[in-house]
Amino acid sequence: MAKNNILRWFPPCLSLGLFALSLWTIQNNLQHYQAEHFWGSLSQIPPSHIILAIVLTAINYLIMTGYECLGLAYIRESLPYRKKALVGIICSGISNSVGFAVLSSCMIRYRFYSTWGFSVVKIAQVSAFCNLSFCLGLFVVGSVIFLKEPLAIPQLIDFPFLSVRPIGIIFLIVILAYLFLTVIRQKPLIIGKWIIPHLTFKLAASQLIISALDWCLASAVFYTLLYHSVSLSYSAFFGIYMLAQVAGLASNIPGGLGVFETVMMLLLTPFITSEKLLGTLLIYRGIYYFIPLSVAALLLGKYEWHHFFQKKKPDYESVSSLSTPARETINKVNN
């Protein structure tokens, strides 16, 4: 009995912990947003660019819900899109900002999918598939842009290469190996306790396309805010942005805070003054990280409020599958 009580209370406690961590991250980020600097930087960017950046951010986070759709398709399970979108938006909004994305996204998925009847094994499979998809997007766009725009790596970045070209080659090899092992090879690959399953071409292609769009849109948000201040092509900017993201992810600092900005400043200084760049970075952080984090925290809090403090009625989809006497009994109880 005691064990059952612990298991019953673990998911909501986990969710409340994530909610508290999100609030702490929001409060911590606000310390970097001094009002006069924020509004001063905001006033220098054309309003149309601000609106476009917000729209692109919304589209980007909508695209990210595709990770959940593909993850469930991978384990051959189905859920209404509204549920997949809820998990996807909360996962992306929180994990992008609080750091330790793999751990935090796994915790969020466990909270929701366990409530909806998924086993721990299937939740782990969905989480692994989604996190792998995110990384594959980095390899796809990184291989293309680093080979097309082989910019020099600043000496302050502790990479064993002088330019990004070797990184692009490595990324390309990883993608080709992944496609060979999962699509072309007709049987699962077993490495010790790890099993790399066979995927259909449609699922693998969707995985690469969605993850690549994710990275392209994230970069486009920043470029939209910066476009009025620099004479730099999108592909050239994209290479700089990707290198900064790789350095930020390698640091494992929440949102790459500090590392991302440092690399961007080192590589964009010839095209824009440090003051303008810092202001644009501030607005980018606010639009792409702070707003989605706030939305994700509100959605998580709203879900927990309805789940625990309001009288729940049975889900229509679940009730509709019951027999007529069972539905009548449930309706009587609720009325």
C-alpha atoms as a PDB file:
ATOM      1  CA  MET A   1       0.000   0.000   0.000  1.00  0.00           C
ATOM      2  CA  ALA A   2       2.791   2.403   0.933  1.00  0.00           C
ATOM      3  CA  LYS A   3       4.573   1.680  -2.346  1.00  0.00           C
ATOM      4  CA  ASN A   4       1.382   2.352  -4.324  1.00  0.00           C
ATOM      5  CA  ASN A   5       0.904   5.679  -2.532  1.00  0.00           C
ATOM      6  CA  ILE A   6       4.468   6.711  -3.366  1.00  0.00           C
ATOM      7  CA  LEU A   7       4.001   5.797  -7.014  1.00  0.00           C
ATOM      8  CA  ARG A   8       0.681   7.651  -7.127  1.00  0.00           C
ATOM      9  CA  TRP A   9       2.146  10.868  -5.720  1.00  0.00           C
ATOM     10  CA  PHE A  10       5.439  10.742  -7.600  1.00  0.00           C
ATOM     11  CA  PRO A  11       4.161  12.137 -10.972  1.00  0.00           C
ATOM     12  CA  PRO A  12       2.373  15.187  -9.460  1.00  0.00           C
ATOM     13  CA  CYS A  13       5.340  15.949  -7.195  1.00  0.00           C
ATOM     14  CA  LEU A  14       7.602  15.674 -10.225  1.00  0.00           C
ATOM     15  CA  SER A  15       5.373  18.066 -12.134  1.00  0.00           C
ATOM     16  CA  LEU A  16       5.298  20.584  -9.271  1.00  0.00           C
ATOM     17  CA  GLY A  17       9.076  20.381  -9.061  1.00  0.00           C
ATOM     18  CA  LEU A  18       9.341  21.180 -12.770  1.00  0.00           C
ATOM     19  CA  PHE A  19       6.889  24.048 -12.336  1.00  0.00           C
ATOM     20  CA  ALA A  20       8.974  25.460  -9.463  1.00  0.00           C
ATOM     21  CA  LEU A  21      12.153  25.062 -11.542  1.00  0.00           C
ATOM     22  CA  SER A  22      10.497  26.944 -14.411  1.00  0.00           C
ATOM     23  CA  LEU A  23       9.512  29.814 -12.106  1.00  0.00           C
ATOM     24  CA  TRP A  24      13.042  29.938 -10.708  1.00  0.00           C
ATOM     25  CA  THR A  25      14.463  30.062 -14.250  1.00  0.00           C
ATOM     26  CA  ILE A  26      12.059  32.857 -15.207  1.00  0.00           C
ATOM     27  CA  GLN A  27      13.040  34.854 -12.108  1.00  0.00           C
ATOM     28  CA  ASN A  28      16.732  34.210 -12.762  1.00  0.00           C
ATOM     29  CA  ASN A  29      16.406  35.315 -16.397  1.00  0.00           C
ATOM     30  CA  LEU A  30      14.622  38.498 -15.389  1.00  0.00           C
ATOM     31  CA  GLN A  31      17.768  39.585 -13.565  1.00  0.00           C
ATOM     32  CA  HIS A  32      19.464  39.860 -16.974  1.00  0.00           C
ATOM     33  CA  TYR A  33      16.684  42.056 -18.377  1.00  0.00           C
ATOM     34  CA  GLN A  34      17.136  45.532 -16.961  1.00  0.00           C
ATOM     35  CA  ALA A  35      14.111  47.555 -18.019  1.00  0.00           C
ATOM     36  CA  GLU A  36      15.978  50.500 -19.538  1.00  0.00           C
ATOM     37  CA  HIS A  37      18.274  48.234 -21.590  1.00  0.00           C
ATOM     38  CA  PHE A  38      15.412  46.049 -22.757  1.00  0.00           C
ATOM     39  CA  TRP A  39      13.137  48.882 -23.899  1.00  0.00           C
ATOM     40  CA  GLY A  40      16.058  50.795 -25.366  1.00  0.00           C
ATOM     41  CA  SER A  41      17.077  47.803 -27.487  1.00  0.00           C
ATOM     42  CA  LEU A  42      13.479  47.061 -28.401  1.00  0.00           C
ATOM     43  CA  SER A  43      12.921  50.602 -29.703  1.00  0.00           C
ATOM     44  CA  GLN A  44      15.827  50.240 -32.158  1.00  0.00           C
ATOM     45  CA  ILE A  45      14.262  47.246 -33.937  1.00  0.00           C
ATOM     46  CA  PRO A  46      11.450  47.923 -36.450  1.00  0.00           C
ATOM     47  CA  PRO A  47       8.061  46.783 -35.062  1.00  0.00           C
ATOM     48  CA  SER A  48       7.443  44.656 -38.162  1.00  0.00           C
ATOM     49  CA  HIS A  49      10.617  42.691 -37.411  1.00  0.00           C
ATOM     50  CA  ILE A  50       9.535  42.158 -33.801  1.00  0.00           C
ATOM     51  CA  ILE A  51       6.148  40.849 -34.941  1.00  0.00           C
ATOM     52  CA  LEU A  52       7.740  38.593 -37.566  1.00  0.00           C
ATOM     53  CA  ALA A  53      10.169  37.202 -34.966  1.00  0.00           C
ATOM     54  CA  ILE A  54       7.265  36.368 -32.625  1.00  0.00           C
ATOM     55  CA  VAL A  55       5.348  34.718 -35.480  1.00  0.00           C
ATOM     56  CA  LEU A  56       8.395  32.656 -36.482  1.00  0.00           C
ATOM     57  CA  THR A  57       8.863  31.621 -32.846  1.00  0.00           C
ATOM     58  CA  ALA A  58       5.241  30.464 -32.657  1.00  0.00           C
ATOM     59  CA  ILE A  59       5.638  28.502 -35.905  1.00  0.00           C
ATOM     60  CA  ASN A  60       8.881  27.005 -34.617  1.00  0.00           C
ATOM     61  CA  TYR A  61       7.284  25.756 -31.399  1.00  0.00           C
ATOM     62  CA  LEU A  62       4.361  24.412 -33.412  1.00  0.00           C
ATOM     63  CA  ILE A  63       6.850  22.504 -35.576  1.00  0.00           C
ATOM     64  CA  MET A  64       8.402  21.090 -32.393  1.00  0.00           C
ATOM     65  CA  THR A  65       5.143  19.313 -31.579  1.00  0.00           C
ATOM     66  CA  GLY A  66       6.051  17.115 -34.541  1.00  0.00           C
ATOM     67  CA  TYR A  67       8.640  15.431 -32.319  1.00  0.00           C
ATOM     68  CA  GLU A  68       5.830  14.027 -30.167  1.00  0.00           C
ATOM     69  CA  CYS A  69       3.824  12.947 -33.212  1.00  0.00           C
ATOM     70  CA  LEU A  70       6.800  11.070 -34.650  1.00  0.00           C
ATOM     71  CA  GLY A  71       7.750   9.615 -31.261  1.00  0.00           C
ATOM     72  CA  LEU A  72       4.293   8.110 -30.818  1.00  0.00           C
ATOM     73  CA  ALA A  73       4.302   6.860 -34.409  1.00  0.00           C
ATOM     74  CA  TYR A  74       7.635   5.191 -33.650  1.00  0.00           C
ATOM     75  CA  ILE A  75       6.135   3.177 -30.767  1.00  0.00           C
ATOM     76  CA  ARG A  76       2.911   2.633 -32.739  1.00  0.00           C
ATOM     77  CA  GLU A  77       0.669   4.478 -30.288  1.00  0.00           C
ATOM     78  CA  SER A  78      -1.899   7.208 -30.884  1.00  0.00           C
ATOM     79  CA  LEU A  79      -3.162  10.242 -28.969  1.00  0.00           C
ATOM     80  CA  PRO A  80      -5.276  13.266 -29.941  1.00  0.00           C
ATOM     81  CA  TYR A  81      -3.105  16.029 -31.393  1.00  0.00           C
ATOM     82  CA  ARG A  82      -4.076  18.443 -28.593  1.00  0.00           C
ATOM     83  CA  LYS A  83      -2.395  16.134 -26.070  1.00  0.00           C
ATOM     84  CA  LYS A  84       0.714  15.693 -28.190  1.00  0.00           C
ATOM     85  CA  ALA A  85       0.883  19.456 -28.725  1.00  0.00           C
ATOM     86  CA  LEU A  86       0.531  20.097 -24.990  1.00  0.00           C
ATOM     87  CA  VAL A  87       3.453  17.818 -24.165  1.00  0.00           C
ATOM     88  CA  GLY A  88       5.545  19.131 -27.055  1.00  0.00           C
ATOM     89  CA  ILE A  89       5.116  22.813 -26.197  1.00  0.00           C
ATOM     90  CA  ILE A  90       5.764  22.287 -22.475  1.00  0.00           C
ATOM     91  CA  CYS A  91       8.811  20.087 -23.182  1.00  0.00           C
ATOM     92  CA  SER A  92      10.317  22.553 -25.637  1.00  0.00           C
ATOM     93  CA  GLY A  93       9.528  25.667 -23.604  1.00  0.00           C
ATOM     94  CA  ILE A  94      10.985  24.321 -20.364  1.00  0.00           C
ATOM     95  CA  SER A  95      13.886  22.163 -21.562  1.00  0.00           C
ATOM     96  CA  ASN A  96      15.234  24.893 -23.878  1.00  0.00           C
ATOM     97  CA  SER A  97      15.661  27.242 -20.915  1.00  0.00           C
ATOM     98  CA  VAL A  98      16.254  25.234 -17.726  1.00  0.00           C
ATOM     99  CA  GLY A  99      19.136  23.200 -19.170  1.00  0.00           C
ATOM    100  CA  PHE A 100      19.782  19.437 -19.001  1.00  0.00           C
ATOM    101  CA  ALA A 101      17.273  19.101 -21.843  1.00  0.00           C
ATOM    102  CA  VAL A 102      17.366  15.294 -21.980  1.00  0.00           C
ATOM    103  CA  LEU A 103      16.568  14.907 -18.272  1.00  0.00           C
ATOM    104  CA  SER A 104      13.965  17.667 -18.043  1.00  0.00           C
ATOM    105  CA  SER A 105      12.107  16.547 -21.191  1.00  0.00           C
ATOM    106  CA  CYS A 106      12.061  12.948 -19.955  1.00  0.00           C
ATOM    107  CA  MET A 107      10.567  14.093 -16.649  1.00  0.00           C
ATOM    108  CA  ILE A 108       7.853  16.095 -18.400  1.00  0.00           C
ATOM    109  CA  ARG A 109       6.949  13.237 -20.729  1.00  0.00           C
ATOM    110  CA  TYR A 110       6.808  10.826 -17.814  1.00  0.00           C
ATOM    111  CA  ARG A 111       4.395  13.145 -16.005  1.00  0.00           C
ATOM    112  CA  PHE A 112       1.934  13.260 -18.881  1.00  0.00           C
ATOM    113  CA  TYR A 113       2.297   9.925 -20.627  1.00  0.00           C
ATOM    114  CA  SER A 114       2.183   7.909 -17.390  1.00  0.00           C
ATOM    115  CA  THR A 115      -1.129   9.625 -16.571  1.00  0.00           C
ATOM    116  CA  TRP A 116      -2.426   8.595 -19.997  1.00  0.00           C
ATOM    117  CA  GLY A 117      -1.562   4.930 -19.439  1.00  0.00           C
ATOM    118  CA  PHE A 118       1.835   4.542 -21.152  1.00  0.00           C
ATOM    119  CA  SER A 119       4.383   2.158 -19.681  1.00  0.00           C
ATOM    120  CA  VAL A 120       7.779   3.386 -18.493  1.00  0.00           C
ATOM    121  CA  VAL A 121       9.447   1.534 -21.369  1.00  0.00           C
ATOM    122  CA  LYS A 122       7.312   3.254 -24.004  1.00  0.00           C
ATOM    123  CA  ILE A 123       7.816   6.674 -22.372  1.00  0.00           C
ATOM    124  CA  ALA A 124      11.579   6.092 -22.443  1.00  0.00           C
ATOM    125  CA  GLN A 125      11.372   5.115 -26.125  1.00  0.00           C
ATOM    126  CA  VAL A 126       9.432   8.263 -27.034  1.00  0.00           C
ATOM    127  CA  SER A 127      11.853  10.465 -25.073  1.00  0.00           C
ATOM    128  CA  ALA A 128      14.888   8.843 -26.666  1.00  0.00           C
ATOM    129  CA  PHE A 129      13.396   9.195 -30.152  1.00  0.00           C
ATOM    130  CA  CYS A 130      12.497  12.876 -29.657  1.00  0.00           C
ATOM    131  CA  ASN A 131      15.877  13.819 -28.174  1.00  0.00           C
ATOM    132  CA  LEU A 132      17.662  11.921 -30.928  1.00  0.00           C
ATOM    133  CA  SER A 133      15.565  13.734 -33.538  1.00  0.00           C
ATOM    134  CA  PHE A 134      16.601  17.110 -32.111  1.00  0.00           C
ATOM    135  CA  CYS A 135      20.276  16.152 -32.356  1.00  0.00           C
ATOM    136  CA  LEU A 136      19.850  14.818 -35.889  1.00  0.00           C
ATOM    137  CA  GLY A 137      18.523  18.209 -36.954  1.00  0.00           C
ATOM    138  CA  LEU A 138      21.740  19.766 -35.684  1.00  0.00           C
ATOM    139  CA  PHE A 139      23.768  17.259 -37.714  1.00  0.00           C
ATOM    140  CA  VAL A 140      21.682  17.767 -40.874  1.00  0.00           C
ATOM    141  CA  VAL A 141      21.785  21.565 -41.008  1.00  0.00           C
ATOM    142  CA  GLY A 142      25.282  21.676 -39.499  1.00  0.00           C
ATOM    143  CA  SER A 143      26.699  19.403 -42.182  1.00  0.00           C
ATOM    144  CA  VAL A 144      25.189  21.532 -44.947  1.00  0.00           C
ATOM    145  CA  ILE A 145      25.986  24.990 -43.596  1.00  0.00           C
ATOM    146  CA  PHE A 146      29.458  24.165 -42.229  1.00  0.00           C
ATOM    147  CA  LEU A 147      30.530  22.736 -45.585  1.00  0.00           C
ATOM    148  CA  LYS A 148      28.975  25.660 -47.463  1.00  0.00           C
ATOM    149  CA  GLU A 149      30.252  28.358 -45.074  1.00  0.00           C
ATOM    150  CA  PRO A 150      33.531  27.015 -43.566  1.00  0.00           C
ATOM    151  CA  LEU A 151      34.132  29.914 -41.168  1.00  0.00           C
ATOM    152  CA  ALA A 152      37.127  30.006 -38.858  1.00  0.00           C
ATOM    153  CA  ILE A 153      36.676  28.940 -35.236  1.00  0.00           C
ATOM    154  CA  PRO A 154      37.758  31.593 -32.684  1.00  0.00           C
ATOM    155  CA  GLN A 155      40.718  30.550 -30.543  1.00  0.00           C
ATOM    156  CA  LEU A 156      38.705  31.175 -27.375  1.00  0.00           C
ATOM    157  CA  ILE A 157      36.485  28.211 -28.284  1.00  0.00           C
ATOM    158  CA  ASP A 158      38.131  25.000 -27.140  1.00  0.00           C
ATOM    159  CA  PHE A 159      37.610  23.016 -30.370  1.00  0.00           C
ATOM    160  CA  PRO A 160      40.385  20.893 -31.950  1.00  0.00           C
ATOM    161  CA  PHE A 161      39.754  22.407 -35.401  1.00  0.00           C
ATOM    162  CA  LEU A 162      40.709  25.658 -37.110  1.00  0.00           C
ATOM    163  CA  SER A 163      37.480  25.848 -39.121  1.00  0.00           C
ATOM    164  CA  VAL A 164      34.018  24.313 -39.010  1.00  0.00           C
ATOM    165  CA  ARG A 165      34.591  22.223 -42.179  1.00  0.00           C
ATOM    166  CA  PRO A 166      35.805  19.118 -40.255  1.00  0.00           C
ATOM    167  CA  ILE A 167      32.749  19.424 -38.000  1.00  0.00           C
ATOM    168  CA  GLY A 168      30.523  19.508 -41.091  1.00  0.00           C
ATOM    169  CA  ILE A 169      32.204  16.370 -42.460  1.00  0.00           C
ATOM    170  CA  ILE A 170      31.736  14.572 -39.125  1.00  0.00           C
ATOM    171  CA  PHE A 171      28.072  15.613 -39.004  1.00  0.00           C
ATOM    172  CA  LEU A 172      27.533  14.364 -42.569  1.00  0.00           C
ATOM    173  CA  ILE A 173      29.119  10.989 -41.760  1.00  0.00           C
ATOM    174  CA  VAL A 174      26.884  10.654 -38.704  1.00  0.00           C
ATOM    175  CA  ILE A 175      23.727  11.320 -40.757  1.00  0.00           C
ATOM    176  CA  LEU A 176      24.705   8.897 -43.519  1.00  0.00           C
ATOM    177  CA  ALA A 177      25.580   6.212 -40.961  1.00  0.00           C
ATOM    178  CA  TYR A 178      22.264   6.780 -39.174  1.00  0.00           C
ATOM    179  CA  LEU A 179      20.276   6.420 -42.404  1.00  0.00           C
ATOM    180  CA  PHE A 180      22.186   3.276 -43.354  1.00  0.00           C
ATOM    181  CA  LEU A 181      21.693   1.629 -39.958  1.00  0.00           C
ATOM    182  CA  THR A 182      18.028   2.551 -39.542  1.00  0.00           C
ATOM    183  CA  VAL A 183      16.578   2.649 -43.065  1.00  0.00           C
ATOM    184  CA  ILE A 184      18.752   0.867 -45.640  1.00  0.00           C
ATOM    185  CA  ARG A 185      19.703  -1.973 -43.296  1.00  0.00           C
ATOM    186  CA  GLN A 186      16.649  -4.213 -43.137  1.00  0.00           C
ATOM    187  CA  LYS A 187      17.016  -5.478 -39.569  1.00  0.00           C
ATOM    188  CA  PRO A 188      17.616  -3.913 -36.132  1.00  0.00           C
ATOM    189  CA  LEU A 189      21.207  -3.309 -35.068  1.00  0.00           C
ATOM    190  CA  ILE A 190      22.075  -4.703 -31.637  1.00  0.00           C
ATOM    191  CA  ILE A 191      25.032  -3.159 -29.792  1.00  0.00           C
ATOM    192  CA  GLY A 192      25.270  -4.712 -26.333  1.00  0.00           C
ATOM    193  CA  LYS A 193      22.050  -3.756 -24.561  1.00  0.00           C
ATOM    194  CA  TRP A 194      21.223  -1.094 -27.160  1.00  0.00           C
ATOM    195  CA  ILE A 195      18.915  -1.864 -30.077  1.00  0.00           C
ATOM    196  CA  ILE A 196      18.772   0.493 -33.063  1.00  0.00           C
ATOM    197  CA  PRO A 197      15.451  -0.397 -34.719  1.00  0.00           C
ATOM    198  CA  HIS A 198      14.639  -0.464 -38.399  1.00  0.00           C
ATOM    199  CA  LEU A 199      12.685   2.645 -39.470  1.00  0.00           C
ATOM    200  CA  THR A 200      10.571   3.233 -42.522  1.00  0.00           C
ATOM    201  CA  PHE A 201      11.912   5.773 -44.991  1.00  0.00           C
ATOM    202  CA  LYS A 202       8.856   7.969 -44.365  1.00  0.00           C
ATOM    203  CA  LEU A 203       9.438   8.083 -40.602  1.00  0.00           C
ATOM    204  CA  ALA A 204      13.187   8.728 -40.921  1.00  0.00           C
ATOM    205  CA  ALA A 205      12.670  11.426 -43.567  1.00  0.00           C
ATOM    206  CA  SER A 206      10.001  13.126 -41.435  1.00  0.00           C
ATOM    207  CA  GLN A 207      12.367  12.987 -38.474  1.00  0.00           C
ATOM    208  CA  LEU A 208      15.143  14.771 -40.381  1.00  0.00           C
ATOM    209  CA  ILE A 209      12.839  17.330 -42.009  1.00  0.00           C
ATOM    210  CA  ILE A 210      11.095  18.386 -38.779  1.00  0.00           C
ATOM    211  CA  SER A 211      14.327  18.635 -36.812  1.00  0.00           C
ATOM    212  CA  ALA A 212      16.028  20.588 -39.622  1.00  0.00           C
ATOM    213  CA  LEU A 213      13.076  23.006 -39.805  1.00  0.00           C
ATOM    214  CA  ASP A 214      13.344  23.466 -36.047  1.00  0.00           C
ATOM    215  CA  TRP A 215      16.940  24.679 -36.307  1.00  0.00           C
ATOM    216  CA  CYS A 216      16.311  26.792 -39.414  1.00  0.00           C
ATOM    217  CA  LEU A 217      13.382  28.627 -37.812  1.00  0.00           C
ATOM    218  CA  ALA A 218      15.279  29.243 -34.573  1.00  0.00           C
ATOM    219  CA  SER A 219      18.052  30.891 -36.570  1.00  0.00           C
ATOM    220  CA  ALA A 220      15.518  32.840 -38.656  1.00  0.00           C
ATOM    221  CA  VAL A 221      14.072  34.409 -35.486  1.00  0.00           C
ATOM    222  CA  PHE A 222      17.455  35.867 -34.569  1.00  0.00           C
ATOM    223  CA  TYR A 223      18.249  36.903 -38.155  1.00  0.00           C
ATOM    224  CA  THR A 224      14.916  38.731 -38.395  1.00  0.00           C
ATOM    225  CA  LEU A 225      15.817  40.823 -35.344  1.00  0.00           C
ATOM    226  CA  LEU A 226      19.322  41.489 -36.665  1.00  0.00           C
ATOM    227  CA  TYR A 227      18.534  42.013 -40.343  1.00  0.00           C
ATOM    228  CA  HIS A 228      18.081  45.800 -40.140  1.00  0.00           C
ATOM    229  CA  SER A 229      21.549  46.241 -38.580  1.00  0.00           C
ATOM    230  CA  VAL A 230      23.849  43.984 -40.625  1.00  0.00           C
ATOM    231  CA  SER A 231      24.614  43.393 -44.295  1.00  0.00           C
ATOM    232  CA  LEU A 232      25.048  39.655 -43.921  1.00  0.00           C
ATOM    233  CA  SER A 233      23.391  36.858 -45.906  1.00  0.00           C
ATOM    234  CA  TYR A 234      21.197  34.373 -44.074  1.00  0.00           C
ATOM    235  CA  SER A 235      23.489  31.436 -44.926  1.00  0.00           C
ATOM    236  CA  ALA A 236      26.542  33.263 -43.551  1.00  0.00           C
ATOM    237  CA  PHE A 237      24.640  34.204 -40.406  1.00  0.00           C
ATOM    238  CA  PHE A 238      23.293  30.656 -40.095  1.00  0.00           C
ATOM    239  CA  GLY A 239      26.840  29.269 -39.964  1.00  0.00           C
ATOM    240  CA  ILE A 240      27.734  31.639 -37.126  1.00  0.00           C
ATOM    241  CA  TYR A 241      24.497  30.837 -35.311  1.00  0.00           C
ATOM    242  CA  MET A 242      25.046  27.075 -35.592  1.00  0.00           C
ATOM    243  CA  LEU A 243      28.611  27.298 -34.280  1.00  0.00           C
ATOM    244  CA  ALA A 244      27.377  29.350 -31.321  1.00  0.00           C
ATOM    245  CA  GLN A 245      24.653  26.775 -30.641  1.00  0.00           C
ATOM    246  CA  VAL A 246      27.110  23.876 -30.814  1.00  0.00           C
ATOM    247  CA  ALA A 247      29.362  25.652 -28.309  1.00  0.00           C
ATOM    248  CA  GLY A 248      26.376  26.431 -26.067  1.00  0.00           C
ATOM    249  CA  LEU A 249      25.084  22.840 -26.146  1.00  0.00           C
ATOM    250  CA  ALA A 250      28.570  21.498 -25.434  1.00  0.00           C
ATOM    251  CA  SER A 251      28.752  23.713 -22.341  1.00  0.00           C
ATOM    252  CA  ASN A 252      25.455  22.231 -20.964  1.00  0.00           C
ATOM    253  CA  ILE A 253      24.683  25.633 -19.435  1.00  0.00           C
ATOM    254  CA  PRO A 254      20.905  26.353 -19.407  1.00  0.00           C
ATOM    255  CA  GLY A 255      20.064  27.775 -22.837  1.00  0.00           C
ATOM    256  CA  GLY A 256      23.800  28.107 -23.502  1.00  0.00           C
ATOM    257  CA  LEU A 257      23.574  31.378 -21.561  1.00  0.00           C
ATOM    258  CA  GLY A 258      26.824  33.319 -21.860  1.00  0.00           C
ATOM    259  CA  VAL A 259      28.578  30.851 -24.173  1.00  0.00           C
ATOM    260  CA  PHE A 260      26.151  31.429 -27.039  1.00  0.00           C
ATOM    261  CA  GLU A 261      26.414  35.215 -26.640  1.00  0.00           C
ATOM    262  CA  THR A 262      30.217  35.137 -26.479  1.00  0.00           C
ATOM    263  CA  VAL A 263      30.577  33.210 -29.739  1.00  0.00           C
ATOM    264  CA  MET A 264      28.031  35.410 -31.503  1.00  0.00           C
ATOM    265  CA  MET A 265      29.890  38.546 -30.397  1.00  0.00           C
ATOM    266  CA  LEU A 266      33.266  37.178 -31.479  1.00  0.00           C
ATOM    267  CA  LEU A 267      32.046  36.346 -34.977  1.00  0.00           C
ATOM    268  CA  LEU A 268      29.582  39.194 -35.600  1.00  0.00           C
ATOM    269  CA  THR A 269      31.706  42.071 -34.285  1.00  0.00           C
ATOM    270  CA  PRO A 270      33.019  42.912 -37.794  1.00  0.00           C
ATOM    271  CA  PHE A 271      29.417  43.436 -38.992  1.00  0.00           C
ATOM    272  CA  ILE A 272      27.719  45.153 -36.044  1.00  0.00           C
ATOM    273  CA  THR A 273      28.691  47.143 -32.966  1.00  0.00           C
ATOM    274  CA  SER A 274      28.831  45.276 -29.662  1.00  0.00           C
ATOM    275  CA  GLU A 275      26.152  47.520 -28.159  1.00  0.00           C
ATOM    276  CA  LYS A 276      23.623  46.795 -30.909  1.00  0.00           C
ATOM    277  CA  LEU A 277      24.421  43.089 -30.878  1.00  0.00           C
ATOM    278  CA  LEU A 278      23.968  42.839 -27.119  1.00  0.00           C
ATOM    279  CA  GLY A 279      20.626  44.580 -27.426  1.00  0.00           C
ATOM    280  CA  THR A 280      19.508  42.200 -30.165  1.00  0.00           C
ATOM    281  CA  LEU A 281      20.682  39.202 -28.132  1.00  0.00           C
ATOM    282  CA  LEU A 282      18.622  40.490 -25.239  1.00  0.00           C
ATOM    283  CA  ILE A 283      15.481  40.726 -27.380  1.00  0.00           C
ATOM    284  CA  TYR A 284      16.159  37.306 -28.919  1.00  0.00           C
ATOM    285  CA  ARG A 285      16.432  35.739 -25.469  1.00  0.00           C
ATOM    286  CA  GLY A 286      13.190  37.385 -24.476  1.00  0.00           C
ATOM    287  CA  ILE A 287      11.235  36.282 -27.551  1.00  0.00           C
ATOM    288  CA  TYR A 288      12.656  32.822 -28.185  1.00  0.00           C
ATOM    289  CA  TYR A 289      13.326  31.598 -24.639  1.00  0.00           C
ATOM    290  CA  PHE A 290      11.536  33.707 -22.035  1.00  0.00           C
ATOM    291  CA  ILE A 291       8.087  33.911 -23.678  1.00  0.00           C
ATOM    292  CA  PRO A 292       7.868  30.154 -24.494  1.00  0.00           C
ATOM    293  CA  LEU A 293       9.139  29.289 -21.006  1.00  0.00           C
ATOM    294  CA  SER A 294       6.435  31.471 -19.460  1.00  0.00           C
ATOM    295  CA  VAL A 295       3.760  29.901 -21.703  1.00  0.00           C
ATOM    296  CA  ALA A 296       5.009  26.389 -20.863  1.00  0.00           C
ATOM    297  CA  ALA A 297       4.969  27.134 -17.118  1.00  0.00           C
ATOM    298  CA  LEU A 298       1.421  28.502 -17.371  1.00  0.00           C
ATOM    299  CA  LEU A 299       0.235  25.456 -19.335  1.00  0.00           C
ATOM    300  CA  LEU A 300       1.841  23.106 -16.823  1.00  0.00           C
ATOM    301  CA  GLY A 301       0.343  24.994 -13.901  1.00  0.00           C
ATOM    302  CA  LYS A 302      -3.078  25.079 -15.590  1.00  0.00           C
ATOM    303  CA  TYR A 303      -2.921  21.335 -16.216  1.00  0.00           C
ATOM    304  CA  GLU A 304      -2.074  20.583 -12.596  1.00  0.00           C
ATOM    305  CA  TRP A 305      -4.798  22.926 -11.366  1.00  0.00           C
ATOM    306  CA  HIS A 306      -7.451  21.160 -13.419  1.00  0.00           C
ATOM    307  CA  HIS A 307      -6.001  17.759 -12.593  1.00  0.00           C
ATOM    308  CA  PHE A 308      -6.005  18.171  -8.823  1.00  0.00           C
ATOM    309  CA  PHE A 309      -8.268  21.009  -7.738  1.00  0.00           C
ATOM    310  CA  GLN A 310     -11.238  20.807 -10.058  1.00  0.00           C
ATOM    311  CA  LYS A 311     -13.793  18.081 -10.411  1.00  0.00           C
ATOM    312  CA  LYS A 312     -12.801  15.974 -13.404  1.00  0.00           C
ATOM    313  CA  LYS A 313     -15.261  14.597 -15.862  1.00  0.00           C
ATOM    314  CA  PRO A 314     -14.377  11.489 -17.852  1.00  0.00           C
ATOM    315  CA  ASP A 315     -12.670  12.089 -21.160  1.00  0.00           C
ATOM    316  CA  TYR A 316     -15.170  11.890 -24.036  1.00  0.00           C
ATOM    317  CA  GLU A 317     -12.936   9.621 -26.075  1.00  0.00           C
ATOM    318  CA  SER A 318     -12.571   7.171 -23.189  1.00  0.00           C
ATOM    319  CA  VAL A 319     -16.254   7.242 -22.227  1.00  0.00           C
ATOM    320  CA  SER A 320     -17.417   6.765 -25.804  1.00  0.00           C
ATOM    321  CA  SER A 321     -15.651   3.396 -25.912  1.00  0.00           C
ATOM    322  CA  LEU A 322     -17.608   2.091 -22.901  1.00  0.00           C
ATOM    323  CA  SER A 323     -20.831   0.157 -23.013  1.00  0.00           C
ATOM    324  CA  THR A 324     -24.147   2.031 -22.757  1.00  0.00           C
ATOM    325  CA  PRO A 325     -24.882   0.963 -19.113  1.00  0.00           C
ATOM    326  CA  ALA A 326     -21.352   2.030 -18.072  1.00  0.00           C
ATOM    327  CA  ARG A 327     -21.755   5.457 -19.715  1.00  0.00           C
ATOM    328  CA  GLU A 328     -25.118   5.953 -18.013  1.00  0.00           C
ATOM    329  CA  THR A 329     -23.617   5.084 -14.628  1.00  0.00           C
ATOM    330  CA  ILE A 330     -20.772   7.587 -15.087  1.00  0.00           C
ATOM    331  CA  ASN A 331     -23.187  10.313 -16.163  1.00  0.00           C
ATOM    332  CA  LYS A 332     -25.329   9.726 -13.052  1.00  0.00           C
ATOM    333  CA  VAL A 333     -22.278   9.999 -10.792  1.00  0.00           C
ATOM    334  CA  ASN A 334     -21.172  13.254 -12.397  1.00  0.00           C
ATOM    335  CA  ASN A 335     -24.652  14.759 -12.312  1.00  0.00           C
END
